[in-house]
Amino acid sequence: MTNGPAAEWISANAHKYGFIVRYQSGKEHITGYSAEPWHLRYIGGQATAVHESGQTLEEYLGVPGGSY
């Protein structure tokens, strides 16, 4: 899966099921990975808070990311 309707749906709805899109576009310098709109990570109850913050998981948790 790349960009398109499915990726947009996942980005908008995955958090309702406990998932986040792990590697967001424009956040490569933080995560250390290229954007992957299909790469989901289950984090459970915190998913909506992370999603609504617009932050990466690293930013939200206050931990360093990988080196790109």
C-alpha atoms as a PDB file:
ATOM      1  CA  MET A   1       0.000   0.000   0.000  1.00  0.00           C
ATOM      2  CA  THR A   2       1.243   3.472  -0.774  1.00  0.00           C
ATOM      3  CA  ASN A   3      -0.642   6.742  -0.809  1.00  0.00           C
ATOM      4  CA  GLY A   4      -4.288   6.804  -1.790  1.00  0.00           C
ATOM      5  CA  PRO A   5      -7.745   6.248  -0.333  1.00  0.00           C
ATOM      6  CA  ALA A   6      -6.727   3.232   1.751  1.00  0.00           C
ATOM      7  CA  ALA A   7      -3.749   5.040   3.304  1.00  0.00           C
ATOM      8  CA  GLU A   8      -5.942   8.050   4.046  1.00  0.00           C
ATOM      9  CA  TRP A   9      -8.551   5.840   5.737  1.00  0.00           C
ATOM     10  CA  ILE A  10      -5.906   4.108   7.818  1.00  0.00           C
ATOM     11  CA  SER A  11      -4.383   7.422   8.879  1.00  0.00           C
ATOM     12  CA  ALA A  12      -7.787   8.765   9.932  1.00  0.00           C
ATOM     13  CA  ASN A  13      -9.179   5.637  11.611  1.00  0.00           C
ATOM     14  CA  ALA A  14      -6.453   3.285  12.840  1.00  0.00           C
ATOM     15  CA  HIS A  15      -6.319   4.976  16.246  1.00  0.00           C
ATOM     16  CA  LYS A  16      -9.925   3.930  16.920  1.00  0.00           C
ATOM     17  CA  TYR A  17      -8.671   0.352  16.994  1.00  0.00           C
ATOM     18  CA  GLY A  18      -5.510   0.975  19.035  1.00  0.00           C
ATOM     19  CA  PHE A  19      -3.100   1.455  16.113  1.00  0.00           C
ATOM     20  CA  ILE A  20      -0.990   4.384  14.911  1.00  0.00           C
ATOM     21  CA  VAL A  21       0.757   4.953  11.600  1.00  0.00           C
ATOM     22  CA  ARG A  22       4.293   4.433  12.831  1.00  0.00           C
ATOM     23  CA  TYR A  23       6.377   6.355  10.278  1.00  0.00           C
ATOM     24  CA  GLN A  24       4.713   9.584   9.172  1.00  0.00           C
ATOM     25  CA  SER A  25       5.603  11.700   6.176  1.00  0.00           C
ATOM     26  CA  GLY A  26       7.730  14.702   7.108  1.00  0.00           C
ATOM     27  CA  LYS A  27       8.893  13.094  10.372  1.00  0.00           C
ATOM     28  CA  GLU A  28      11.818  11.108   8.950  1.00  0.00           C
ATOM     29  CA  HIS A  29      14.342  13.224  10.841  1.00  0.00           C
ATOM     30  CA  ILE A  30      12.664  12.213  14.115  1.00  0.00           C
ATOM     31  CA  THR A  31      11.923   8.524  13.559  1.00  0.00           C
ATOM     32  CA  GLY A  32      14.971   7.705  11.476  1.00  0.00           C
ATOM     33  CA  TYR A  33      12.807   5.930   8.880  1.00  0.00           C
ATOM     34  CA  SER A  34      11.273   6.845   5.546  1.00  0.00           C
ATOM     35  CA  ALA A  35       7.537   7.489   5.608  1.00  0.00           C
ATOM     36  CA  GLU A  36       5.531   4.255   5.487  1.00  0.00           C
ATOM     37  CA  PRO A  37       1.781   4.945   5.447  1.00  0.00           C
ATOM     38  CA  TRP A  38       1.107   1.196   5.688  1.00  0.00           C
ATOM     39  CA  HIS A  39       3.285   0.574   8.753  1.00  0.00           C
ATOM     40  CA  LEU A  40       0.995   0.283  11.770  1.00  0.00           C
ATOM     41  CA  ARG A  41       1.919  -0.229  15.406  1.00  0.00           C
ATOM     42  CA  TYR A  42      -0.511  -1.405  18.053  1.00  0.00           C
ATOM     43  CA  ILE A  43      -0.232   0.729  21.176  1.00  0.00           C
ATOM     44  CA  GLY A  44      -3.699   0.216  22.626  1.00  0.00           C
ATOM     45  CA  GLY A  45      -5.486   2.863  24.651  1.00  0.00           C
ATOM     46  CA  GLN A  46      -2.967   5.648  23.980  1.00  0.00           C
ATOM     47  CA  ALA A  47      -3.468   5.493  20.209  1.00  0.00           C
ATOM     48  CA  THR A  48      -6.103   8.246  20.011  1.00  0.00           C
ATOM     49  CA  ALA A  49      -4.041  10.603  22.177  1.00  0.00           C
ATOM     50  CA  VAL A  50      -0.933  10.012  20.034  1.00  0.00           C
ATOM     51  CA  HIS A  51      -2.950  10.427  16.830  1.00  0.00           C
ATOM     52  CA  GLU A  52      -4.620  13.656  17.992  1.00  0.00           C
ATOM     53  CA  SER A  53      -1.276  15.113  19.116  1.00  0.00           C
ATOM     54  CA  GLY A  54       0.103  14.857  15.572  1.00  0.00           C
ATOM     55  CA  GLN A  55       3.389  13.691  17.066  1.00  0.00           C
ATOM     56  CA  THR A  56       5.465  10.643  16.323  1.00  0.00           C
ATOM     57  CA  LEU A  57       5.629   7.978  18.997  1.00  0.00           C
ATOM     58  CA  GLU A  58       9.137   9.214  19.860  1.00  0.00           C
ATOM     59  CA  GLU A  59       7.914  12.776  20.340  1.00  0.00           C
ATOM     60  CA  TYR A  60       4.899  11.694  22.353  1.00  0.00           C
ATOM     61  CA  LEU A  61       6.972   9.526  24.693  1.00  0.00           C
ATOM     62  CA  GLY A  62       9.904  11.962  24.827  1.00  0.00           C
ATOM     63  CA  VAL A  63      12.455   9.429  23.630  1.00  0.00           C
ATOM     64  CA  PRO A  64      15.128   9.786  20.929  1.00  0.00           C
ATOM     65  CA  GLY A  65      14.457   8.347  17.507  1.00  0.00           C
ATOM     66  CA  GLY A  66      16.717   6.481  15.136  1.00  0.00           C
ATOM     67  CA  SER A  67      19.442   8.058  13.042  1.00  0.00           C
ATOM     68  CA  TYR A  68      18.466   8.388   9.412  1.00  0.00           C
END
